[in-house]
């Protein structure tokens, strides 16, 4: 499972770095008007902003971009994913390390710290992680909430420029909307 996490995060972080560029905009509350459903592992639904799906949506991952900010600064990118998790509640430090290692494989410097537990989804355990992604001279903010339920791991990740604000509210709202569908 850990090799799969590393491989997927490595590819996705490379893809995200191509899309995010430096700039600034005013932080604002972003309404969740779309439903995104990932079908892998029995399925997970998220409420998300009505943003453009970037690249092909796969059964286990979707990346959404806010093009309305294009011209005013960097687009915000929201990545939603689901994968097979461990049999029991994961060691969040192992999950954090896997994500950081995947970024390193992609020659990207990611600093990610474990923060408070996230208890916004009934029956699921969760952990908030925050950090920064450094690519050449660009520093990007990373907000992530990982959720574990019934052997599945879902993640909600926001990548933005520091000027976008920390994104904590948006990531928390999307994560709290998560519905784990039928067990795989």
C-alpha atoms as a PDB file:
ATOM      1  CA  UNK A   1       0.000   0.000   0.000  1.00  0.00           C
ATOM      2  CA  UNK A   2       2.793   2.435   0.883  1.00  0.00           C
ATOM      3  CA  UNK A   3       4.431   2.019  -2.541  1.00  0.00           C
ATOM      4  CA  UNK A   4       1.097   2.791  -4.206  1.00  0.00           C
ATOM      5  CA  UNK A   5       0.698   5.944  -2.097  1.00  0.00           C
ATOM      6  CA  UNK A   6       4.231   7.071  -3.002  1.00  0.00           C
ATOM      7  CA  UNK A   7       3.735   6.452  -6.717  1.00  0.00           C
ATOM      8  CA  UNK A   8       0.400   8.275  -6.866  1.00  0.00           C
ATOM      9  CA  UNK A   9       1.538  11.274  -4.796  1.00  0.00           C
ATOM     10  CA  UNK A  10       4.712  11.587  -6.863  1.00  0.00           C
ATOM     11  CA  UNK A  11       2.731  11.806 -10.104  1.00  0.00           C
ATOM     12  CA  UNK A  12       0.082  14.128  -8.682  1.00  0.00           C
ATOM     13  CA  UNK A  13       2.535  16.546  -7.082  1.00  0.00           C
ATOM     14  CA  UNK A  14       4.373  16.876 -10.380  1.00  0.00           C
ATOM     15  CA  UNK A  15       1.073  17.578 -12.129  1.00  0.00           C
ATOM     16  CA  UNK A  16       0.039  20.159  -9.530  1.00  0.00           C
ATOM     17  CA  UNK A  17       3.353  22.019  -9.779  1.00  0.00           C
ATOM     18  CA  UNK A  18       2.810  22.521 -13.492  1.00  0.00           C
ATOM     19  CA  UNK A  19      -0.562  24.157 -12.800  1.00  0.00           C
ATOM     20  CA  UNK A  20       0.163  26.425  -9.830  1.00  0.00           C
ATOM     21  CA  UNK A  21       2.110  29.626 -10.416  1.00  0.00           C
ATOM     22  CA  UNK A  22       2.959  32.694  -8.302  1.00  0.00           C
ATOM     23  CA  UNK A  23       0.401  35.451  -7.702  1.00  0.00           C
ATOM     24  CA  UNK A  24      -2.040  36.816  -5.147  1.00  0.00           C
ATOM     25  CA  UNK A  25      -5.777  37.263  -4.630  1.00  0.00           C
ATOM     26  CA  UNK A  26      -8.113  38.155  -1.811  1.00  0.00           C
ATOM     27  CA  UNK A  27      -9.274  35.271   0.362  1.00  0.00           C
ATOM     28  CA  UNK A  28     -13.015  34.674   0.281  1.00  0.00           C
ATOM     29  CA  UNK A  29     -15.517  32.039   1.344  1.00  0.00           C
ATOM     30  CA  UNK A  30     -15.977  29.595  -1.506  1.00  0.00           C
ATOM     31  CA  UNK A  31     -19.385  27.877  -1.763  1.00  0.00           C
ATOM     32  CA  UNK A  32     -19.540  24.100  -2.243  1.00  0.00           C
ATOM     33  CA  UNK A  33     -21.901  23.725  -5.225  1.00  0.00           C
ATOM     34  CA  UNK A  34     -20.672  20.551  -6.940  1.00  0.00           C
ATOM     35  CA  UNK A  35     -20.649  16.895  -6.044  1.00  0.00           C
ATOM     36  CA  UNK A  36     -17.518  14.932  -6.920  1.00  0.00           C
ATOM     37  CA  UNK A  37     -17.756  11.154  -6.711  1.00  0.00           C
ATOM     38  CA  UNK A  38     -14.747   8.871  -6.826  1.00  0.00           C
ATOM     39  CA  UNK A  39     -15.714   5.247  -7.509  1.00  0.00           C
ATOM     40  CA  UNK A  40     -12.575   3.421  -6.347  1.00  0.00           C
ATOM     41  CA  UNK A  41     -12.688   1.447  -3.095  1.00  0.00           C
ATOM     42  CA  UNK A  42     -16.495   1.368  -3.007  1.00  0.00           C
ATOM     43  CA  UNK A  43     -16.828   5.083  -3.624  1.00  0.00           C
ATOM     44  CA  UNK A  44     -16.515   8.390  -1.825  1.00  0.00           C
ATOM     45  CA  UNK A  45     -18.499  11.583  -2.440  1.00  0.00           C
ATOM     46  CA  UNK A  46     -17.333  15.106  -1.705  1.00  0.00           C
ATOM     47  CA  UNK A  47     -19.070  18.468  -1.950  1.00  0.00           C
ATOM     48  CA  UNK A  48     -16.644  20.776  -3.695  1.00  0.00           C
ATOM     49  CA  UNK A  49     -16.485  24.228  -5.227  1.00  0.00           C
ATOM     50  CA  UNK A  50     -17.808  24.468  -8.776  1.00  0.00           C
ATOM     51  CA  UNK A  51     -14.330  24.483 -10.285  1.00  0.00           C
ATOM     52  CA  UNK A  52     -12.933  22.959 -13.476  1.00  0.00           C
ATOM     53  CA  UNK A  53     -11.781  19.347 -13.342  1.00  0.00           C
ATOM     54  CA  UNK A  54      -8.164  19.398 -14.499  1.00  0.00           C
ATOM     55  CA  UNK A  55      -7.037  16.419 -16.520  1.00  0.00           C
ATOM     56  CA  UNK A  56      -8.993  13.193 -16.658  1.00  0.00           C
ATOM     57  CA  UNK A  57     -10.946  12.330 -13.512  1.00  0.00           C
ATOM     58  CA  UNK A  58      -9.871   8.882 -12.426  1.00  0.00           C
ATOM     59  CA  UNK A  59     -11.757   6.462 -10.174  1.00  0.00           C
ATOM     60  CA  UNK A  60      -9.410   7.308  -7.285  1.00  0.00           C
ATOM     61  CA  UNK A  61      -8.509  10.985  -7.799  1.00  0.00           C
ATOM     62  CA  UNK A  62      -9.885  14.286  -9.073  1.00  0.00           C
ATOM     63  CA  UNK A  63      -8.022  17.589  -9.342  1.00  0.00           C
ATOM     64  CA  UNK A  64     -10.086  20.763  -9.544  1.00  0.00           C
ATOM     65  CA  UNK A  65      -8.798  24.217 -10.517  1.00  0.00           C
ATOM     66  CA  UNK A  66     -10.337  27.634  -9.945  1.00  0.00           C
ATOM     67  CA  UNK A  67      -9.856  29.413 -13.272  1.00  0.00           C
ATOM     68  CA  UNK A  68     -11.804  32.476 -12.152  1.00  0.00           C
ATOM     69  CA  UNK A  69      -8.688  33.572 -10.308  1.00  0.00           C
ATOM     70  CA  UNK A  70      -6.478  33.256 -13.396  1.00  0.00           C
ATOM     71  CA  UNK A  71      -5.498  36.853 -14.294  1.00  0.00           C
ATOM     72  CA  UNK A  72      -5.701  37.881 -10.643  1.00  0.00           C
ATOM     73  CA  UNK A  73      -3.098  35.454  -9.384  1.00  0.00           C
ATOM     74  CA  UNK A  74      -2.595  31.750  -8.925  1.00  0.00           C
ATOM     75  CA  UNK A  75      -5.463  29.350  -9.359  1.00  0.00           C
ATOM     76  CA  UNK A  76      -6.285  27.310  -6.324  1.00  0.00           C
ATOM     77  CA  UNK A  77      -6.017  23.559  -6.834  1.00  0.00           C
ATOM     78  CA  UNK A  78      -8.068  21.078  -4.877  1.00  0.00           C
ATOM     79  CA  UNK A  79      -7.133  17.397  -5.034  1.00  0.00           C
ATOM     80  CA  UNK A  80      -9.578  14.739  -3.837  1.00  0.00           C
ATOM     81  CA  UNK A  81      -8.498  11.110  -3.559  1.00  0.00           C
ATOM     82  CA  UNK A  82      -9.427   7.722  -2.150  1.00  0.00           C
ATOM     83  CA  UNK A  83      -7.364   4.573  -1.825  1.00  0.00           C
ATOM     84  CA  UNK A  84      -7.155   1.384   0.128  1.00  0.00           C
ATOM     85  CA  UNK A  85      -6.004   2.110   3.646  1.00  0.00           C
ATOM     86  CA  UNK A  86      -4.646  -0.106   6.385  1.00  0.00           C
ATOM     87  CA  UNK A  87      -6.869  -2.541   8.270  1.00  0.00           C
ATOM     88  CA  UNK A  88      -6.892  -0.318  11.356  1.00  0.00           C
ATOM     89  CA  UNK A  89      -6.621   3.419  11.982  1.00  0.00           C
ATOM     90  CA  UNK A  90      -3.388   4.475  10.271  1.00  0.00           C
ATOM     91  CA  UNK A  91      -0.278   5.832  11.873  1.00  0.00           C
ATOM     92  CA  UNK A  92      -0.662   9.414  10.638  1.00  0.00           C
ATOM     93  CA  UNK A  93       3.085   9.974  10.790  1.00  0.00           C
ATOM     94  CA  UNK A  94       3.565   7.123   8.281  1.00  0.00           C
ATOM     95  CA  UNK A  95       0.977   8.688   5.960  1.00  0.00           C
ATOM     96  CA  UNK A  96       2.701  12.096   6.264  1.00  0.00           C
ATOM     97  CA  UNK A  97       6.097  10.524   5.575  1.00  0.00           C
ATOM     98  CA  UNK A  98       4.765   8.720   2.473  1.00  0.00           C
ATOM     99  CA  UNK A  99       3.456  11.985   1.044  1.00  0.00           C
ATOM    100  CA  UNK A 100       6.737  13.813   1.729  1.00  0.00           C
ATOM    101  CA  UNK A 101       8.738  10.930   0.231  1.00  0.00           C
ATOM    102  CA  UNK A 102       6.578  10.997  -2.911  1.00  0.00           C
ATOM    103  CA  UNK A 103       7.306  14.696  -3.344  1.00  0.00           C
ATOM    104  CA  UNK A 104      11.024  14.049  -2.883  1.00  0.00           C
ATOM    105  CA  UNK A 105      10.886  11.352  -5.610  1.00  0.00           C
ATOM    106  CA  UNK A 106       9.452  14.064  -7.851  1.00  0.00           C
ATOM    107  CA  UNK A 107      12.400  16.324  -6.945  1.00  0.00           C
ATOM    108  CA  UNK A 108      10.108  18.631  -4.994  1.00  0.00           C
ATOM    109  CA  UNK A 109      10.682  19.830  -1.474  1.00  0.00           C
ATOM    110  CA  UNK A 110       7.560  19.342   0.629  1.00  0.00           C
ATOM    111  CA  UNK A 111       7.442  20.188   4.304  1.00  0.00           C
ATOM    112  CA  UNK A 112       4.361  18.766   5.968  1.00  0.00           C
ATOM    113  CA  UNK A 113       3.480  18.786   9.661  1.00  0.00           C
ATOM    114  CA  UNK A 114       0.851  16.839  11.527  1.00  0.00           C
ATOM    115  CA  UNK A 115      -1.712  19.080  13.200  1.00  0.00           C
ATOM    116  CA  UNK A 116      -4.915  18.417  15.108  1.00  0.00           C
ATOM    117  CA  UNK A 117      -7.266  15.470  14.681  1.00  0.00           C
ATOM    118  CA  UNK A 118     -10.189  16.075  12.339  1.00  0.00           C
ATOM    119  CA  UNK A 119     -13.492  14.721  13.640  1.00  0.00           C
ATOM    120  CA  UNK A 120     -15.877  16.242  11.092  1.00  0.00           C
ATOM    121  CA  UNK A 121     -17.045  12.993   9.454  1.00  0.00           C
ATOM    122  CA  UNK A 122     -19.154  10.615  11.561  1.00  0.00           C
ATOM    123  CA  UNK A 123     -17.511   7.211  11.956  1.00  0.00           C
ATOM    124  CA  UNK A 124     -14.221   8.328  10.401  1.00  0.00           C
ATOM    125  CA  UNK A 125     -10.954   9.325  12.000  1.00  0.00           C
ATOM    126  CA  UNK A 126      -8.986  12.140  10.450  1.00  0.00           C
ATOM    127  CA  UNK A 127      -5.851  14.219  10.685  1.00  0.00           C
ATOM    128  CA  UNK A 128      -5.070  17.711   9.452  1.00  0.00           C
ATOM    129  CA  UNK A 129      -1.643  18.346   7.911  1.00  0.00           C
ATOM    130  CA  UNK A 130      -0.170  21.663   6.780  1.00  0.00           C
ATOM    131  CA  UNK A 131       2.996  22.669   5.062  1.00  0.00           C
ATOM    132  CA  UNK A 132       4.703  24.176   2.089  1.00  0.00           C
ATOM    133  CA  UNK A 133       5.810  22.942  -1.284  1.00  0.00           C
ATOM    134  CA  UNK A 134       8.962  24.508  -2.703  1.00  0.00           C
ATOM    135  CA  UNK A 135       9.676  24.351  -6.425  1.00  0.00           C
ATOM    136  CA  UNK A 136      12.669  26.416  -7.524  1.00  0.00           C
ATOM    137  CA  UNK A 137      11.883  29.866  -6.072  1.00  0.00           C
ATOM    138  CA  UNK A 138       8.109  29.360  -5.708  1.00  0.00           C
ATOM    139  CA  UNK A 139       6.697  28.543  -2.276  1.00  0.00           C
ATOM    140  CA  UNK A 140       3.201  27.077  -2.250  1.00  0.00           C
ATOM    141  CA  UNK A 141       0.929  26.482   0.718  1.00  0.00           C
ATOM    142  CA  UNK A 142      -0.408  22.956   1.294  1.00  0.00           C
ATOM    143  CA  UNK A 143      -3.459  22.137   3.428  1.00  0.00           C
ATOM    144  CA  UNK A 144      -4.455  18.485   3.712  1.00  0.00           C
ATOM    145  CA  UNK A 145      -6.994  16.464   5.655  1.00  0.00           C
ATOM    146  CA  UNK A 146      -6.701  12.684   5.551  1.00  0.00           C
ATOM    147  CA  UNK A 147      -9.755  10.632   6.548  1.00  0.00           C
ATOM    148  CA  UNK A 148      -9.823   6.942   7.426  1.00  0.00           C
ATOM    149  CA  UNK A 149     -12.927   4.749   7.533  1.00  0.00           C
ATOM    150  CA  UNK A 150     -13.475   1.015   7.035  1.00  0.00           C
ATOM    151  CA  UNK A 151     -10.112   0.317   5.408  1.00  0.00           C
ATOM    152  CA  UNK A 152     -10.225   3.348   3.106  1.00  0.00           C
ATOM    153  CA  UNK A 153      -8.160   6.510   3.137  1.00  0.00           C
ATOM    154  CA  UNK A 154      -9.603   9.675   1.563  1.00  0.00           C
ATOM    155  CA  UNK A 155      -7.665  12.919   1.268  1.00  0.00           C
ATOM    156  CA  UNK A 156      -8.650  16.517   0.590  1.00  0.00           C
ATOM    157  CA  UNK A 157      -5.664  18.670  -0.393  1.00  0.00           C
ATOM    158  CA  UNK A 158      -5.507  22.350  -1.315  1.00  0.00           C
ATOM    159  CA  UNK A 159      -2.396  23.781  -2.990  1.00  0.00           C
ATOM    160  CA  UNK A 160      -2.202  27.551  -3.335  1.00  0.00           C
ATOM    161  CA  UNK A 161       0.141  30.484  -3.071  1.00  0.00           C
ATOM    162  CA  UNK A 162       0.639  31.827   0.465  1.00  0.00           C
ATOM    163  CA  UNK A 163      -1.281  34.974  -0.535  1.00  0.00           C
ATOM    164  CA  UNK A 164      -4.446  32.872  -0.956  1.00  0.00           C
ATOM    165  CA  UNK A 165      -4.605  32.409   2.809  1.00  0.00           C
ATOM    166  CA  UNK A 166      -4.126  29.105   4.518  1.00  0.00           C
ATOM    167  CA  UNK A 167      -7.193  27.412   2.993  1.00  0.00           C
ATOM    168  CA  UNK A 168      -8.017  25.744   6.303  1.00  0.00           C
ATOM    169  CA  UNK A 169     -11.724  26.619   6.129  1.00  0.00           C
ATOM    170  CA  UNK A 170     -12.198  25.323   2.566  1.00  0.00           C
ATOM    171  CA  UNK A 171     -10.323  22.079   3.223  1.00  0.00           C
ATOM    172  CA  UNK A 172     -12.284  21.528   6.437  1.00  0.00           C
ATOM    173  CA  UNK A 173     -15.637  22.167   4.732  1.00  0.00           C
ATOM    174  CA  UNK A 174     -14.887  19.811   1.840  1.00  0.00           C
ATOM    175  CA  UNK A 175     -13.554  17.138   4.208  1.00  0.00           C
ATOM    176  CA  UNK A 176     -16.628  17.453   6.453  1.00  0.00           C
ATOM    177  CA  UNK A 177     -18.849  16.832   3.406  1.00  0.00           C
ATOM    178  CA  UNK A 178     -17.176  13.472   2.704  1.00  0.00           C
ATOM    179  CA  UNK A 179     -19.501  10.498   2.433  1.00  0.00           C
ATOM    180  CA  UNK A 180     -17.944   7.040   2.307  1.00  0.00           C
ATOM    181  CA  UNK A 181     -20.247   4.924   0.113  1.00  0.00           C
ATOM    182  CA  UNK A 182     -20.586   1.124   0.045  1.00  0.00           C
ATOM    183  CA  UNK A 183     -17.787  -0.861   1.613  1.00  0.00           C
ATOM    184  CA  UNK A 184     -15.392  -2.321  -0.991  1.00  0.00           C
END
